[in-house]
C-alpha atoms as a PDB file:
ATOM      1  CA  UNK A   1      64.199 145.569 201.594  1.00  0.00           C
ATOM      2  CA  UNK A   2      65.491 149.009 200.631  1.00  0.00           C
ATOM      3  CA  UNK A   3      66.688 147.694 197.259  1.00  0.00           C
ATOM      4  CA  UNK A   4      63.180 146.452 196.441  1.00  0.00           C
ATOM      5  CA  UNK A   5      61.722 149.904 197.093  1.00  0.00           C
ATOM      6  CA  UNK A   6      64.379 151.461 194.868  1.00  0.00           C
ATOM      7  CA  UNK A   7      63.287 149.166 192.029  1.00  0.00           C
ATOM      8  CA  UNK A   8      59.632 149.951 192.678  1.00  0.00           C
ATOM      9  CA  UNK A   9      60.382 153.670 192.604  1.00  0.00           C
ATOM     10  CA  UNK A  10      62.469 153.292 189.458  1.00  0.00           C
ATOM     11  CA  UNK A  11      59.706 151.297 187.724  1.00  0.00           C
ATOM     12  CA  UNK A  12      57.104 153.867 188.776  1.00  0.00           C
ATOM     13  CA  UNK A  13      59.179 156.776 187.458  1.00  0.00           C
ATOM     14  CA  UNK A  14      59.905 154.953 184.200  1.00  0.00           C
ATOM     15  CA  UNK A  15      56.207 154.235 183.741  1.00  0.00           C
ATOM     16  CA  UNK A  16      55.339 157.837 184.490  1.00  0.00           C
ATOM     17  CA  UNK A  17      57.825 159.154 181.932  1.00  0.00           C
ATOM     18  CA  UNK A  18      56.788 156.681 179.245  1.00  0.00           C
ATOM     19  CA  UNK A  19      53.123 157.440 179.881  1.00  0.00           C
ATOM     20  CA  UNK A  20      53.732 161.173 179.626  1.00  0.00           C
ATOM     21  CA  UNK A  21      55.670 160.758 176.383  1.00  0.00           C
ATOM     22  CA  UNK A  22      52.957 158.566 174.837  1.00  0.00           C
ATOM     23  CA  UNK A  23      50.286 161.061 175.937  1.00  0.00           C
ATOM     24  CA  UNK A  24      52.076 164.031 174.402  1.00  0.00           C
ATOM     25  CA  UNK A  25      52.790 162.128 171.185  1.00  0.00           C
ATOM     26  CA  UNK A  26      49.174 160.985 170.898  1.00  0.00           C
ATOM     27  CA  UNK A  27      47.840 164.482 171.599  1.00  0.00           C
ATOM     28  CA  UNK A  28      50.080 166.017 168.931  1.00  0.00           C
ATOM     29  CA  UNK A  29      49.020 163.380 166.423  1.00  0.00           C
ATOM     30  CA  UNK A  30      45.313 163.863 167.111  1.00  0.00           C
ATOM     31  CA  UNK A  31      45.659 167.657 167.073  1.00  0.00           C
ATOM     32  CA  UNK A  32      47.579 167.603 163.790  1.00  0.00           C
ATOM     33  CA  UNK A  33      45.087 165.217 162.206  1.00  0.00           C
ATOM     34  CA  UNK A  34      42.173 167.413 163.265  1.00  0.00           C
ATOM     35  CA  UNK A  35      43.638 170.599 161.860  1.00  0.00           C
ATOM     36  CA  UNK A  36      45.005 169.099 158.672  1.00  0.00           C
ATOM     37  CA  UNK A  37      41.872 167.116 157.761  1.00  0.00           C
ATOM     38  CA  UNK A  38      39.146 168.747 159.837  1.00  0.00           C
ATOM     39  CA  UNK A  39      36.869 167.039 162.308  1.00  0.00           C
ATOM     40  CA  UNK A  40      36.045 163.402 161.645  1.00  0.00           C
ATOM     41  CA  UNK A  41      32.351 163.859 160.953  1.00  0.00           C
ATOM     42  CA  UNK A  42      31.588 160.141 160.853  1.00  0.00           C
ATOM     43  CA  UNK A  43      33.178 159.599 164.254  1.00  0.00           C
ATOM     44  CA  UNK A  44      31.312 162.562 165.741  1.00  0.00           C
ATOM     45  CA  UNK A  45      28.053 161.404 164.163  1.00  0.00           C
ATOM     46  CA  UNK A  46      28.484 157.874 165.512  1.00  0.00           C
ATOM     47  CA  UNK A  47      29.180 159.171 169.024  1.00  0.00           C
ATOM     48  CA  UNK A  48      26.214 161.556 168.956  1.00  0.00           C
ATOM     49  CA  UNK A  49      23.931 158.878 167.574  1.00  0.00           C
ATOM     50  CA  UNK A  50      25.000 156.392 170.230  1.00  0.00           C
ATOM     51  CA  UNK A  51      24.831 158.780 173.186  1.00  0.00           C
ATOM     52  CA  UNK A  52      21.712 160.704 172.130  1.00  0.00           C
ATOM     53  CA  UNK A  53      19.886 157.820 170.437  1.00  0.00           C
ATOM     54  CA  UNK A  54      19.322 159.833 167.266  1.00  0.00           C
ATOM     55  CA  UNK A  55      16.648 158.822 164.800  1.00  0.00           C
ATOM     56  CA  UNK A  56      17.729 158.099 161.203  1.00  0.00           C
ATOM     57  CA  UNK A  57      16.294 161.464 160.159  1.00  0.00           C
ATOM     58  CA  UNK A  58      18.241 163.245 162.909  1.00  0.00           C
ATOM     59  CA  UNK A  59      21.407 161.401 161.898  1.00  0.00           C
ATOM     60  CA  UNK A  60      20.988 162.598 158.331  1.00  0.00           C
ATOM     61  CA  UNK A  61      20.402 166.204 159.443  1.00  0.00           C
ATOM     62  CA  UNK A  62      23.337 166.145 161.856  1.00  0.00           C
ATOM     63  CA  UNK A  63      25.603 164.666 159.190  1.00  0.00           C
ATOM     64  CA  UNK A  64      24.682 167.434 156.745  1.00  0.00           C
ATOM     65  CA  UNK A  65      25.281 170.045 159.435  1.00  0.00           C
ATOM     66  CA  UNK A  66      28.650 168.560 160.403  1.00  0.00           C
ATOM     67  CA  UNK A  67      29.788 168.435 156.776  1.00  0.00           C
ATOM     68  CA  UNK A  68      28.714 172.040 156.168  1.00  0.00           C
ATOM     69  CA  UNK A  69      30.469 173.313 159.284  1.00  0.00           C
ATOM     70  CA  UNK A  70      33.539 171.164 158.611  1.00  0.00           C
ATOM     71  CA  UNK A  71      34.403 173.232 155.555  1.00  0.00           C
ATOM     72  CA  UNK A  72      33.913 176.463 157.500  1.00  0.00           C
ATOM     73  CA  UNK A  73      36.147 175.167 160.312  1.00  0.00           C
ATOM     74  CA  UNK A  74      38.911 174.254 157.860  1.00  0.00           C
ATOM     75  CA  UNK A  75      38.591 177.599 156.092  1.00  0.00           C
ATOM     76  CA  UNK A  76      38.805 179.526 159.364  1.00  0.00           C
ATOM     77  CA  UNK A  77      41.786 177.463 160.481  1.00  0.00           C
ATOM     78  CA  UNK A  78      43.600 178.124 157.221  1.00  0.00           C
ATOM     79  CA  UNK A  79      42.927 181.855 157.543  1.00  0.00           C
ATOM     80  CA  UNK A  80      44.088 181.941 161.165  1.00  0.00           C
ATOM     81  CA  UNK A  81      47.149 179.824 160.360  1.00  0.00           C
ATOM     82  CA  UNK A  82      48.307 182.193 157.653  1.00  0.00           C
ATOM     83  CA  UNK A  83      47.827 185.183 159.975  1.00  0.00           C
ATOM     84  CA  UNK A  84      49.704 183.395 162.742  1.00  0.00           C
ATOM     85  CA  UNK A  85      52.519 182.452 160.363  1.00  0.00           C
ATOM     86  CA  UNK A  86      52.840 186.065 159.189  1.00  0.00           C
ATOM     87  CA  UNK A  87      52.997 187.288 162.782  1.00  0.00           C
ATOM     88  CA  UNK A  88      55.534 184.600 163.721  1.00  0.00           C
ATOM     89  CA  UNK A  89      57.808 185.480 160.797  1.00  0.00           C
ATOM     90  CA  UNK A  90      57.476 189.197 161.530  1.00  0.00           C
ATOM     91  CA  UNK A  91      58.461 188.602 165.155  1.00  0.00           C
ATOM     92  CA  UNK A  92      61.504 186.603 164.077  1.00  0.00           C
ATOM     93  CA  UNK A  93      62.591 189.284 161.625  1.00  0.00           C
ATOM     94  CA  UNK A  94      62.175 192.010 164.243  1.00  0.00           C
ATOM     95  CA  UNK A  95      64.131 189.920 166.730  1.00  0.00           C
ATOM     96  CA  UNK A  96      66.915 189.372 164.201  1.00  0.00           C
ATOM     97  CA  UNK A  97      67.305 193.142 163.782  1.00  0.00           C
ATOM     98  CA  UNK A  98      68.265 193.385 167.450  1.00  0.00           C
ATOM     99  CA  UNK A  99      70.999 190.752 167.127  1.00  0.00           C
ATOM    100  CA  UNK A 100      74.567 191.087 165.925  1.00  0.00           C
ATOM    101  CA  UNK A 101      75.454 189.397 162.616  1.00  0.00           C
ATOM    102  CA  UNK A 102      77.056 186.486 164.513  1.00  0.00           C
ATOM    103  CA  UNK A 103      73.977 186.101 166.694  1.00  0.00           C
ATOM    104  CA  UNK A 104      71.773 186.266 163.612  1.00  0.00           C
ATOM    105  CA  UNK A 105      73.559 183.256 162.132  1.00  0.00           C
ATOM    106  CA  UNK A 106      72.986 181.318 165.361  1.00  0.00           C
ATOM    107  CA  UNK A 107      69.387 182.535 165.485  1.00  0.00           C
ATOM    108  CA  UNK A 108      68.726 181.276 161.962  1.00  0.00           C
ATOM    109  CA  UNK A 109      70.162 177.880 162.918  1.00  0.00           C
ATOM    110  CA  UNK A 110      68.011 177.772 166.060  1.00  0.00           C
ATOM    111  CA  UNK A 111      64.849 178.656 164.180  1.00  0.00           C
ATOM    112  CA  UNK A 112      65.592 176.075 161.502  1.00  0.00           C
ATOM    113  CA  UNK A 113      65.893 173.427 164.219  1.00  0.00           C
ATOM    114  CA  UNK A 114      62.614 174.582 165.816  1.00  0.00           C
ATOM    115  CA  UNK A 115      60.855 174.558 162.464  1.00  0.00           C
ATOM    116  CA  UNK A 116      62.182 171.116 161.610  1.00  0.00           C
ATOM    117  CA  UNK A 117      61.122 169.732 164.984  1.00  0.00           C
ATOM    118  CA  UNK A 118      57.640 171.235 164.653  1.00  0.00           C
ATOM    119  CA  UNK A 119      57.373 170.523 160.924  1.00  0.00           C
ATOM    120  CA  UNK A 120      57.200 174.200 160.029  1.00  0.00           C
ATOM    121  CA  UNK A 121      58.567 175.585 156.823  1.00  0.00           C
ATOM    122  CA  UNK A 122      59.462 179.258 157.169  1.00  0.00           C
ATOM    123  CA  UNK A 123      58.783 180.675 153.754  1.00  0.00           C
ATOM    124  CA  UNK A 124      61.053 183.687 153.609  1.00  0.00           C
ATOM    125  CA  UNK A 125      62.514 184.085 157.075  1.00  0.00           C
ATOM    126  CA  UNK A 126      66.089 183.155 156.244  1.00  0.00           C
ATOM    127  CA  UNK A 127      66.127 185.490 153.248  1.00  0.00           C
ATOM    128  CA  UNK A 128      64.773 188.340 155.391  1.00  0.00           C
ATOM    129  CA  UNK A 129      67.330 187.694 158.124  1.00  0.00           C
ATOM    130  CA  UNK A 130      70.160 187.592 155.566  1.00  0.00           C
ATOM    131  CA  UNK A 131      69.048 190.899 154.060  1.00  0.00           C
ATOM    132  CA  UNK A 132      68.731 192.386 157.565  1.00  0.00           C
ATOM    133  CA  UNK A 133      72.244 191.183 158.379  1.00  0.00           C
ATOM    134  CA  UNK A 134      73.666 192.722 155.227  1.00  0.00           C
ATOM    135  CA  UNK A 135      71.876 196.017 155.935  1.00  0.00           C
ATOM    136  CA  UNK A 136      73.078 196.180 159.526  1.00  0.00           C
ATOM    137  CA  UNK A 137      76.687 195.471 158.491  1.00  0.00           C
ATOM    138  CA  UNK A 138      76.707 198.413 156.043  1.00  0.00           C
END
């Protein structure tokens, strides 16, 4: 009887882990799609129309509004992303100044792995760390 409960517990834990992984993967995919392409105006319009029973005239007005705001949302996201990226790179460069040259090499490797995992491309971080390392060794 105890063996059966062990299998039940094992199956439950496996299901929990798989469910959590699928949820995180799905959330990342949806989040990335939203920010790279903007909100799906047709999907939003269909949902609003269905739930609010919009008239054809209201649908047309809402669609125009969604399209107009979509461009503003994407523009704001691009602006915020570039500011965030600049802050992130500045923080990394400042952090690298604290480290020894050996630690800086490891730090660059770590950040490259993080960036690869999160699909980030640090524009000039490695060059800035290398120049910081050469300055600190002089």
